[in-house]
Amino acid sequence: MIDMQMTKEWRHVCDRIEAAADRHAARYPDMEKAIRRQTAEFCAQAPPAETDELLDRILAANDITASWTRDEESVEMPKDRVDEASVESFPASDPPNWSPTII
């Protein structure tokens, strides 16, 4: 027997991952095809039968969306140690804060 509440929860999870896919695909059109494929495969599963299975799928959805973010971070992060140090020290040209004191 299909549990209507579980089906409703599963649809909510699919709606959320589809919304995340829409946002990410709009920002990175070159990744859209892969994102849509992953999302469609994930949401094509039958609704889970038990809460534990639903929770496992929520974790899987998180892993999928995190992989999109990891791909994004790997593109934006500098590969060179010097570049990385420069990014971490920015803005190095700002003078330190100080206030005049009377001696």
PDB file of N, CA and C in Angstrom:
ATOM      1  N   MET A   1       0.835  -1.189   0.000  1.00  0.00           N
ATOM      2  CA  MET A   1       0.000   0.000   0.000  1.00  0.00           C
ATOM      3  C   MET A   1       0.881   1.254   0.000  1.00  0.00           C
ATOM      4  N   ILE A   2       0.517   2.221  -0.781  1.00  0.00           N
ATOM      5  CA  ILE A   2       1.278   3.459  -0.878  1.00  0.00           C
ATOM      6  C   ILE A   2       0.835   4.401   0.238  1.00  0.00           C
ATOM      7  N   ASP A   3       1.810   4.880   0.989  1.00  0.00           N
ATOM      8  CA  ASP A   3       1.548   5.825   2.069  1.00  0.00           C
ATOM      9  C   ASP A   3       1.477   7.226   1.465  1.00  0.00           C
ATOM     10  N   MET A   4       0.326   7.862   1.582  1.00  0.00           N
ATOM     11  CA  MET A   4       0.127   9.176   0.968  1.00  0.00           C
ATOM     12  C   MET A   4       1.044  10.236   1.577  1.00  0.00           C
ATOM     13  N   GLN A   5       1.283  10.166   2.878  1.00  0.00           N
ATOM     14  CA  GLN A   5       2.167  11.137   3.522  1.00  0.00           C
ATOM     15  C   GLN A   5       3.595  10.980   3.002  1.00  0.00           C
ATOM     16  N   MET A   6       4.050   9.732   2.848  1.00  0.00           N
ATOM     17  CA  MET A   6       5.398   9.484   2.342  1.00  0.00           C
ATOM     18  C   MET A   6       5.518   9.978   0.895  1.00  0.00           C
ATOM     19  N   THR A   7       4.473   9.771   0.108  1.00  0.00           N
ATOM     20  CA  THR A   7       4.465  10.257  -1.271  1.00  0.00           C
ATOM     21  C   THR A   7       4.540  11.784  -1.298  1.00  0.00           C
ATOM     22  N   LYS A   8       3.807  12.426  -0.404  1.00  0.00           N
ATOM     23  CA  LYS A   8       3.828  13.889  -0.313  1.00  0.00           C
ATOM     24  C   LYS A   8       5.220  14.385   0.079  1.00  0.00           C
ATOM     25  N   GLU A   9       5.838  13.737   1.057  1.00  0.00           N
ATOM     26  CA  GLU A   9       7.185  14.125   1.486  1.00  0.00           C
ATOM     27  C   GLU A   9       8.196  13.919   0.358  1.00  0.00           C
ATOM     28  N   TRP A  10       8.072  12.807  -0.363  1.00  0.00           N
ATOM     29  CA  TRP A  10       8.978  12.524  -1.476  1.00  0.00           C
ATOM     30  C   TRP A  10       8.832  13.586  -2.563  1.00  0.00           C
ATOM     31  N   ARG A  11       7.605  13.975  -2.861  1.00  0.00           N
ATOM     32  CA  ARG A  11       7.378  15.014  -3.874  1.00  0.00           C
ATOM     33  C   ARG A  11       8.008  16.340  -3.437  1.00  0.00           C
ATOM     34  N   HIS A  12       7.932  16.621  -2.141  1.00  0.00           N
ATOM     35  CA  HIS A  12       8.538  17.843  -1.609  1.00  0.00           C
ATOM     36  C   HIS A  12      10.060  17.815  -1.807  1.00  0.00           C
ATOM     37  N   VAL A  13      10.681  16.667  -1.538  1.00  0.00           N
ATOM     38  CA  VAL A  13      12.131  16.531  -1.742  1.00  0.00           C
ATOM     39  C   VAL A  13      12.464  16.749  -3.217  1.00  0.00           C
ATOM     40  N   CYS A  14      11.681  16.148  -4.096  1.00  0.00           N
ATOM     41  CA  CYS A  14      11.925  16.314  -5.536  1.00  0.00           C
ATOM     42  C   CYS A  14      11.730  17.765  -5.971  1.00  0.00           C
ATOM     43  N   ASP A  15      10.713  18.420  -5.429  1.00  0.00           N
ATOM     44  CA  ASP A  15      10.503  19.839  -5.752  1.00  0.00           C
ATOM     45  C   ASP A  15      11.707  20.679  -5.341  1.00  0.00           C
ATOM     46  N   ARG A  16      12.263  20.377  -4.173  1.00  0.00           N
ATOM     47  CA  ARG A  16      13.408  21.147  -3.673  1.00  0.00           C
ATOM     48  C   ARG A  16      14.653  20.932  -4.535  1.00  0.00           C
ATOM     49  N   ILE A  17      14.931  19.673  -4.917  1.00  0.00           N
ATOM     50  CA  ILE A  17      16.129  19.424  -5.727  1.00  0.00           C
ATOM     51  C   ILE A  17      15.933  19.994  -7.133  1.00  0.00           C
ATOM     52  N   GLU A  18      14.703  19.970  -7.646  1.00  0.00           N
ATOM     53  CA  GLU A  18      14.440  20.571  -8.958  1.00  0.00           C
ATOM     54  C   GLU A  18      14.626  22.090  -8.913  1.00  0.00           C
ATOM     55  N   ALA A  19      14.211  22.718  -7.824  1.00  0.00           N
ATOM     56  CA  ALA A  19      14.407  24.165  -7.676  1.00  0.00           C
ATOM     57  C   ALA A  19      15.897  24.497  -7.591  1.00  0.00           C
ATOM     58  N   ALA A  20      16.648  23.677  -6.862  1.00  0.00           N
ATOM     59  CA  ALA A  20      18.097  23.883  -6.772  1.00  0.00           C
ATOM     60  C   ALA A  20      18.741  23.695  -8.142  1.00  0.00           C
ATOM     61  N   ALA A  21      18.264  22.709  -8.891  1.00  0.00           N
ATOM     62  CA  ALA A  21      18.792  22.470 -10.238  1.00  0.00           C
ATOM     63  C   ALA A  21      18.507  23.664 -11.147  1.00  0.00           C
ATOM     64  N   ASP A  22      17.310  24.230 -11.043  1.00  0.00           N
ATOM     65  CA  ASP A  22      16.966  25.407 -11.851  1.00  0.00           C
ATOM     66  C   ASP A  22      17.908  26.571 -11.559  1.00  0.00           C
ATOM     67  N   ARG A  23      18.142  26.827 -10.271  1.00  0.00           N
ATOM     68  CA  ARG A  23      19.022  27.943  -9.897  1.00  0.00           C
ATOM     69  C   ARG A  23      20.447  27.706 -10.388  1.00  0.00           C
ATOM     70  N   HIS A  24      20.949  26.496 -10.202  1.00  0.00           N
ATOM     71  CA  HIS A  24      22.328  26.222 -10.591  1.00  0.00           C
ATOM     72  C   HIS A  24      22.485  26.219 -12.114  1.00  0.00           C
ATOM     73  N   ALA A  25      21.508  25.646 -12.816  1.00  0.00           N
ATOM     74  CA  ALA A  25      21.578  25.615 -14.284  1.00  0.00           C
ATOM     75  C   ALA A  25      21.507  27.025 -14.869  1.00  0.00           C
ATOM     76  N   ALA A  26      20.746  27.910 -14.230  1.00  0.00           N
ATOM     77  CA  ALA A  26      20.673  29.293 -14.708  1.00  0.00           C
ATOM     78  C   ALA A  26      22.010  30.001 -14.522  1.00  0.00           C
ATOM     79  N   ARG A  27      22.697  29.665 -13.449  1.00  0.00           N
ATOM     80  CA  ARG A  27      23.985  30.309 -13.174  1.00  0.00           C
ATOM     81  C   ARG A  27      25.112  29.715 -14.018  1.00  0.00           C
ATOM     82  N   TYR A  28      25.031  28.415 -14.296  1.00  0.00           N
ATOM     83  CA  TYR A  28      26.068  27.714 -15.062  1.00  0.00           C
ATOM     84  C   TYR A  28      25.423  26.923 -16.203  1.00  0.00           C
ATOM     85  N   PRO A  29      25.076  27.596 -17.293  1.00  0.00           N
ATOM     86  CA  PRO A  29      24.385  26.928 -18.396  1.00  0.00           C
ATOM     87  C   PRO A  29      25.170  25.769 -19.011  1.00  0.00           C
ATOM     88  N   ASP A  30      26.487  25.811 -18.938  1.00  0.00           N
ATOM     89  CA  ASP A  30      27.285  24.729 -19.512  1.00  0.00           C
ATOM     90  C   ASP A  30      27.116  23.419 -18.746  1.00  0.00           C
ATOM     91  N   MET A  31      26.634  23.469 -17.517  1.00  0.00           N
ATOM     92  CA  MET A  31      26.425  22.267 -16.707  1.00  0.00           C
ATOM     93  C   MET A  31      24.968  21.812 -16.719  1.00  0.00           C
ATOM     94  N   GLU A  32      24.110  22.542 -17.415  1.00  0.00           N
ATOM     95  CA  GLU A  32      22.670  22.284 -17.325  1.00  0.00           C
ATOM     96  C   GLU A  32      22.285  20.861 -17.703  1.00  0.00           C
ATOM     97  N   LYS A  33      22.850  20.333 -18.770  1.00  0.00           N
ATOM     98  CA  LYS A  33      22.476  18.994 -19.235  1.00  0.00           C
ATOM     99  C   LYS A  33      22.756  17.940 -18.163  1.00  0.00           C
ATOM    100  N   ALA A  34      23.931  17.992 -17.554  1.00  0.00           N
ATOM    101  CA  ALA A  34      24.288  17.023 -16.511  1.00  0.00           C
ATOM    102  C   ALA A  34      23.411  17.198 -15.274  1.00  0.00           C
ATOM    103  N   ILE A  35      23.136  18.445 -14.921  1.00  0.00           N
ATOM    104  CA  ILE A  35      22.295  18.720 -13.751  1.00  0.00           C
ATOM    105  C   ILE A  35      20.888  18.177 -13.973  1.00  0.00           C
ATOM    106  N   ARG A  36      20.329  18.439 -15.133  1.00  0.00           N
ATOM    107  CA  ARG A  36      18.967  17.958 -15.443  1.00  0.00           C
ATOM    108  C   ARG A  36      18.913  16.430 -15.447  1.00  0.00           C
ATOM    109  N   ARG A  37      19.963  15.791 -15.976  1.00  0.00           N
ATOM    110  CA  ARG A  37      19.993  14.330 -16.010  1.00  0.00           C
ATOM    111  C   ARG A  37      20.021  13.761 -14.594  1.00  0.00           C
ATOM    112  N   GLN A  38      20.901  14.302 -13.741  1.00  0.00           N
ATOM    113  CA  GLN A  38      20.987  13.824 -12.361  1.00  0.00           C
ATOM    114  C   GLN A  38      19.669  14.032 -11.621  1.00  0.00           C
ATOM    115  N   THR A  39      19.065  15.177 -11.821  1.00  0.00           N
ATOM    116  CA  THR A  39      17.807  15.486 -11.140  1.00  0.00           C
ATOM    117  C   THR A  39      16.693  14.559 -11.609  1.00  0.00           C
ATOM    118  N   ALA A  40      16.604  14.331 -12.911  1.00  0.00           N
ATOM    119  CA  ALA A  40      15.563  13.454 -13.452  1.00  0.00           C
ATOM    120  C   ALA A  40      15.730  12.025 -12.952  1.00  0.00           C
ATOM    121  N   GLU A  41      16.969  11.532 -12.930  1.00  0.00           N
ATOM    122  CA  GLU A  41      17.221  10.179 -12.430  1.00  0.00           C
ATOM    123  C   GLU A  41      16.845  10.062 -10.956  1.00  0.00           C
ATOM    124  N   PHE A  42      17.173  11.075 -10.184  1.00  0.00           N
ATOM    125  CA  PHE A  42      16.869  11.046  -8.755  1.00  0.00           C
ATOM    126  C   PHE A  42      15.357  11.039  -8.521  1.00  0.00           C
ATOM    127  N   CYS A  43      14.645  11.920  -9.202  1.00  0.00           N
ATOM    128  CA  CYS A  43      13.207  12.058  -8.973  1.00  0.00           C
ATOM    129  C   CYS A  43      12.385  10.951  -9.636  1.00  0.00           C
ATOM    130  N   ALA A  44      12.986  10.173 -10.533  1.00  0.00           N
ATOM    131  CA  ALA A  44      12.273   9.084 -11.193  1.00  0.00           C
ATOM    132  C   ALA A  44      12.085   7.875 -10.278  1.00  0.00           C
ATOM    133  N   GLN A  45      12.754   7.873  -9.141  1.00  0.00           N
ATOM    134  CA  GLN A  45      12.609   6.761  -8.204  1.00  0.00           C
ATOM    135  C   GLN A  45      11.184   6.728  -7.647  1.00  0.00           C
ATOM    136  N   ALA A  46      10.737   5.531  -7.302  1.00  0.00           N
ATOM    137  CA  ALA A  46       9.430   5.389  -6.652  1.00  0.00           C
ATOM    138  C   ALA A  46       9.506   6.001  -5.256  1.00  0.00           C
ATOM    139  N   PRO A  47       8.399   6.513  -4.750  1.00  0.00           N
ATOM    140  CA  PRO A  47       8.421   7.073  -3.393  1.00  0.00           C
ATOM    141  C   PRO A  47       8.910   6.031  -2.386  1.00  0.00           C
ATOM    142  N   PRO A  48       9.653   6.465  -1.387  1.00  0.00           N
ATOM    143  CA  PRO A  48      10.159   5.518  -0.394  1.00  0.00           C
ATOM    144  C   PRO A  48       9.021   4.914   0.426  1.00  0.00           C
ATOM    145  N   ALA A  49       9.266   3.711   0.935  1.00  0.00           N
ATOM    146  CA  ALA A  49       8.245   3.014   1.716  1.00  0.00           C
ATOM    147  C   ALA A  49       8.324   3.360   3.197  1.00  0.00           C
ATOM    148  N   GLU A  50       9.515   3.736   3.656  1.00  0.00           N
ATOM    149  CA  GLU A  50       9.710   3.990   5.085  1.00  0.00           C
ATOM    150  C   GLU A  50      10.454   5.302   5.290  1.00  0.00           C
ATOM    151  N   THR A  51      10.352   5.812   6.498  1.00  0.00           N
ATOM    152  CA  THR A  51      11.010   7.069   6.843  1.00  0.00           C
ATOM    153  C   THR A  51      12.522   6.972   6.699  1.00  0.00           C
ATOM    154  N   ASP A  52      13.108   5.853   7.119  1.00  0.00           N
ATOM    155  CA  ASP A  52      14.562   5.691   6.999  1.00  0.00           C
ATOM    156  C   ASP A  52      15.013   5.800   5.548  1.00  0.00           C
ATOM    157  N   GLU A  53      14.242   5.221   4.657  1.00  0.00           N
ATOM    158  CA  GLU A  53      14.576   5.293   3.232  1.00  0.00           C
ATOM    159  C   GLU A  53      14.449   6.733   2.720  1.00  0.00           C
ATOM    160  N   LEU A  54      13.434   7.449   3.188  1.00  0.00           N
ATOM    161  CA  LEU A  54      13.274   8.855   2.808  1.00  0.00           C
ATOM    162  C   LEU A  54      14.473   9.668   3.280  1.00  0.00           C
ATOM    163  N   LEU A  55      14.908   9.432   4.507  1.00  0.00           N
ATOM    164  CA  LEU A  55      16.060  10.159   5.037  1.00  0.00           C
ATOM    165  C   LEU A  55      17.325   9.854   4.240  1.00  0.00           C
ATOM    166  N   ASP A  56      17.497   8.595   3.845  1.00  0.00           N
ATOM    167  CA  ASP A  56      18.651   8.236   3.012  1.00  0.00           C
ATOM    168  C   ASP A  56      18.611   8.980   1.678  1.00  0.00           C
ATOM    169  N   ARG A  57      17.431   9.109   1.125  1.00  0.00           N
ATOM    170  CA  ARG A  57      17.313   9.811  -0.156  1.00  0.00           C
ATOM    171  C   ARG A  57      17.547  11.312   0.000  1.00  0.00           C
ATOM    172  N   ILE A  58      17.137  11.866   1.131  1.00  0.00           N
ATOM    173  CA  ILE A  58      17.415  13.280   1.383  1.00  0.00           C
ATOM    174  C   ILE A  58      18.923  13.499   1.444  1.00  0.00           C
ATOM    175  N   LEU A  59      19.636  12.575   2.094  1.00  0.00           N
ATOM    176  CA  LEU A  59      21.104  12.665   2.122  1.00  0.00           C
ATOM    177  C   LEU A  59      21.679  12.552   0.713  1.00  0.00           C
ATOM    178  N   ALA A  60      21.106  11.667  -0.095  1.00  0.00           N
ATOM    179  CA  ALA A  60      21.571  11.522  -1.480  1.00  0.00           C
ATOM    180  C   ALA A  60      21.320  12.808  -2.273  1.00  0.00           C
ATOM    181  N   ALA A  61      20.174  13.441  -2.052  1.00  0.00           N
ATOM    182  CA  ALA A  61      19.881  14.714  -2.725  1.00  0.00           C
ATOM    183  C   ALA A  61      20.887  15.772  -2.308  1.00  0.00           C
ATOM    184  N   ASN A  62      21.229  15.773  -1.037  1.00  0.00           N
ATOM    185  CA  ASN A  62      22.232  16.716  -0.544  1.00  0.00           C
ATOM    186  C   ASN A  62      23.584  16.467  -1.212  1.00  0.00           C
ATOM    187  N   ASP A  63      23.951  15.203  -1.358  1.00  0.00           N
ATOM    188  CA  ASP A  63      25.216  14.870  -2.021  1.00  0.00           C
ATOM    189  C   ASP A  63      25.218  15.341  -3.479  1.00  0.00           C
ATOM    190  N   ILE A  64      24.091  15.173  -4.146  1.00  0.00           N
ATOM    191  CA  ILE A  64      23.999  15.597  -5.548  1.00  0.00           C
ATOM    192  C   ILE A  64      24.184  17.108  -5.663  1.00  0.00           C
ATOM    193  N   THR A  65      23.439  17.864  -4.869  1.00  0.00           N
ATOM    194  CA  THR A  65      23.552  19.323  -4.955  1.00  0.00           C
ATOM    195  C   THR A  65      24.912  19.804  -4.468  1.00  0.00           C
ATOM    196  N   ALA A  66      25.495  19.109  -3.498  1.00  0.00           N
ATOM    197  CA  ALA A  66      26.840  19.474  -3.035  1.00  0.00           C
ATOM    198  C   ALA A  66      27.871  19.234  -4.131  1.00  0.00           C
ATOM    199  N   SER A  67      27.662  18.209  -4.949  1.00  0.00           N
ATOM    200  CA  SER A  67      28.610  17.956  -6.042  1.00  0.00           C
ATOM    201  C   SER A  67      28.584  19.106  -7.045  1.00  0.00           C
ATOM    202  N   TRP A  68      27.428  19.718  -7.243  1.00  0.00           N
ATOM    203  CA  TRP A  68      27.357  20.882  -8.127  1.00  0.00           C
ATOM    204  C   TRP A  68      28.155  22.022  -7.531  1.00  0.00           C
ATOM    205  N   THR A  69      28.080  22.191  -6.236  1.00  0.00           N
ATOM    206  CA  THR A  69      28.817  23.253  -5.554  1.00  0.00           C
ATOM    207  C   THR A  69      30.308  22.972  -5.582  1.00  0.00           C
ATOM    208  N   ARG A  70      30.700  21.714  -5.363  1.00  0.00           N
ATOM    209  CA  ARG A  70      32.123  21.359  -5.428  1.00  0.00           C
ATOM    210  C   ARG A  70      32.678  21.668  -6.806  1.00  0.00           C
ATOM    211  N   ASP A  71      31.914  21.362  -7.844  1.00  0.00           N
ATOM    212  CA  ASP A  71      32.356  21.677  -9.202  1.00  0.00           C
ATOM    213  C   ASP A  71      32.548  23.181  -9.357  1.00  0.00           C
ATOM    214  N   GLU A  72      31.637  23.945  -8.794  1.00  0.00           N
ATOM    215  CA  GLU A  72      31.706  25.406  -8.860  1.00  0.00           C
ATOM    216  C   GLU A  72      32.930  25.909  -8.105  1.00  0.00           C
ATOM    217  N   GLU A  73      33.180  25.372  -6.916  1.00  0.00           N
ATOM    218  CA  GLU A  73      34.314  25.815  -6.111  1.00  0.00           C
ATOM    219  C   GLU A  73      35.637  25.470  -6.777  1.00  0.00           C
ATOM    220  N   SER A  74      35.703  24.310  -7.424  1.00  0.00           N
ATOM    221  CA  SER A  74      36.960  23.918  -8.051  1.00  0.00           C
ATOM    222  C   SER A  74      37.304  24.844  -9.217  1.00  0.00           C
ATOM    223  N   VAL A  75      36.289  25.403  -9.859  1.00  0.00           N
ATOM    224  CA  VAL A  75      36.527  26.335 -10.958  1.00  0.00           C
ATOM    225  C   VAL A  75      36.998  27.681 -10.423  1.00  0.00           C
ATOM    226  N   GLU A  76      36.437  28.119  -9.308  1.00  0.00           N
ATOM    227  CA  GLU A  76      36.703  29.461  -8.816  1.00  0.00           C
ATOM    228  C   GLU A  76      37.922  29.557  -7.907  1.00  0.00           C
ATOM    229  N   MET A  77      38.363  28.478  -7.315  1.00  0.00           N
ATOM    230  CA  MET A  77      39.474  28.534  -6.374  1.00  0.00           C
ATOM    231  C   MET A  77      40.808  28.540  -7.121  1.00  0.00           C
ATOM    232  N   PRO A  78      41.759  29.341  -6.669  1.00  0.00           N
ATOM    233  CA  PRO A  78      43.067  29.371  -7.325  1.00  0.00           C
ATOM    234  C   PRO A  78      43.810  28.051  -7.119  1.00  0.00           C
ATOM    235  N   LYS A  79      44.573  27.666  -8.123  1.00  0.00           N
ATOM    236  CA  LYS A  79      45.305  26.403  -8.068  1.00  0.00           C
ATOM    237  C   LYS A  79      46.727  26.592  -7.547  1.00  0.00           C
ATOM    238  N   ASP A  80      47.248  27.777  -7.660  1.00  0.00           N
ATOM    239  CA  ASP A  80      48.625  28.066  -7.298  1.00  0.00           C
ATOM    240  C   ASP A  80      48.693  28.533  -5.844  1.00  0.00           C
ATOM    241  N   ARG A  81      49.726  28.092  -5.118  1.00  0.00           N
ATOM    242  CA  ARG A  81      49.867  28.498  -3.717  1.00  0.00           C
ATOM    243  C   ARG A  81      50.033  30.009  -3.573  1.00  0.00           C
ATOM    244  N   VAL A  82      50.742  30.617  -4.494  1.00  0.00           N
ATOM    245  CA  VAL A  82      50.933  32.065  -4.436  1.00  0.00           C
ATOM    246  C   VAL A  82      49.595  32.768  -4.640  1.00  0.00           C
ATOM    247  N   ASP A  83      48.811  32.310  -5.624  1.00  0.00           N
ATOM    248  CA  ASP A  83      47.494  32.896  -5.845  1.00  0.00           C
ATOM    249  C   ASP A  83      46.604  32.700  -4.625  1.00  0.00           C
ATOM    250  N   GLU A  84      46.671  31.520  -4.037  1.00  0.00           N
ATOM    251  CA  GLU A  84      45.863  31.238  -2.853  1.00  0.00           C
ATOM    252  C   GLU A  84      46.241  32.165  -1.700  1.00  0.00           C
ATOM    253  N   ALA A  85      47.541  32.361  -1.492  1.00  0.00           N
ATOM    254  CA  ALA A  85      47.998  33.257  -0.430  1.00  0.00           C
ATOM    255  C   ALA A  85      47.555  34.692  -0.709  1.00  0.00           C
ATOM    256  N   SER A  86      47.576  35.081  -1.971  1.00  0.00           N
ATOM    257  CA  SER A  86      47.134  36.429  -2.330  1.00  0.00           C
ATOM    258  C   SER A  86      45.652  36.616  -2.035  1.00  0.00           C
ATOM    259  N   VAL A  87      44.859  35.605  -2.358  1.00  0.00           N
ATOM    260  CA  VAL A  87      43.423  35.680  -2.098  1.00  0.00           C
ATOM    261  C   VAL A  87      43.162  35.762  -0.603  1.00  0.00           C
ATOM    262  N   GLU A  88      43.886  34.957   0.179  1.00  0.00           N
ATOM    263  CA  GLU A  88      43.676  34.935   1.621  1.00  0.00           C
ATOM    264  C   GLU A  88      44.122  36.225   2.292  1.00  0.00           C
ATOM    265  N   SER A  89      45.122  36.908   1.750  1.00  0.00           N
ATOM    266  CA  SER A  89      45.634  38.115   2.392  1.00  0.00           C
ATOM    267  C   SER A  89      44.954  39.389   1.896  1.00  0.00           C
ATOM    268  N   PHE A  90      44.072  39.283   0.926  1.00  0.00           N
ATOM    269  CA  PHE A  90      43.404  40.453   0.370  1.00  0.00           C
ATOM    270  C   PHE A  90      42.477  41.062   1.404  1.00  0.00           C
ATOM    271  N   PRO A  91      42.394  42.322   1.568  1.00  0.00           N
ATOM    272  CA  PRO A  91      43.179  43.385   0.970  1.00  0.00           C
ATOM    273  C   PRO A  91      44.378  43.717   1.851  1.00  0.00           C
ATOM    274  N   ALA A  92      45.543  43.413   1.385  1.00  0.00           N
ATOM    275  CA  ALA A  92      46.765  43.645   2.156  1.00  0.00           C
ATOM    276  C   ALA A  92      47.147  45.117   2.177  1.00  0.00           C
ATOM    277  N   SER A  93      46.632  45.914   1.271  1.00  0.00           N
ATOM    278  CA  SER A  93      47.032  47.316   1.189  1.00  0.00           C
ATOM    279  C   SER A  93      46.284  48.214   2.177  1.00  0.00           C
ATOM    280  N   ASP A  94      45.282  47.699   2.846  1.00  0.00           N
ATOM    281  CA  ASP A  94      44.557  48.518   3.814  1.00  0.00           C
ATOM    282  C   ASP A  94      45.425  48.779   5.035  1.00  0.00           C
ATOM    283  N   PRO A  95      45.514  50.031   5.456  1.00  0.00           N
ATOM    284  CA  PRO A  95      46.309  50.331   6.646  1.00  0.00           C
ATOM    285  C   PRO A  95      45.604  49.804   7.899  1.00  0.00           C
ATOM    286  N   PRO A  96      46.369  49.509   8.931  1.00  0.00           N
ATOM    287  CA  PRO A  96      45.744  49.032  10.170  1.00  0.00           C
ATOM    288  C   PRO A  96      44.933  50.151  10.827  1.00  0.00           C
ATOM    289  N   ASN A  97      43.928  49.764  11.555  1.00  0.00           N
ATOM    290  CA  ASN A  97      43.130  50.748  12.277  1.00  0.00           C
ATOM    291  C   ASN A  97      43.914  51.255  13.477  1.00  0.00           C
ATOM    292  N   TRP A  98      43.861  52.553  13.701  1.00  0.00           N
ATOM    293  CA  TRP A  98      44.502  53.130  14.876  1.00  0.00           C
ATOM    294  C   TRP A  98      43.791  54.419  15.225  1.00  0.00           C
ATOM    295  N   SER A  99      43.932  54.799  16.433  1.00  0.00           N
ATOM    296  CA  SER A  99      43.369  56.078  16.854  1.00  0.00           C
ATOM    297  C   SER A  99      44.458  56.846  17.592  1.00  0.00           C
ATOM    298  N   PRO A 100      44.468  58.147  17.436  1.00  0.00           N
ATOM    299  CA  PRO A 100      45.515  58.938  18.090  1.00  0.00           C
ATOM    300  C   PRO A 100      45.370  58.863  19.616  1.00  0.00           C
ATOM    301  N   THR A 101      46.500  58.834  20.268  1.00  0.00           N
ATOM    302  CA  THR A 101      46.504  58.816  21.738  1.00  0.00           C
ATOM    303  C   THR A 101      47.375  59.953  22.247  1.00  0.00           C
ATOM    304  N   ILE A 102      47.110  60.374  23.439  1.00  0.00           N
ATOM    305  CA  ILE A 102      47.905  61.436  24.064  1.00  0.00           C
ATOM    306  C   ILE A 102      48.890  60.779  25.013  1.00  0.00           C
ATOM    307  N   ILE A 103      50.159  61.146  24.876  1.00  0.00           N
ATOM    308  CA  ILE A 103      51.201  60.563  25.730  1.00  0.00           C
ATOM    309  C   ILE A 103      51.616  61.550  26.780  1.00  0.00           C
TER     310      ILE A 103
END
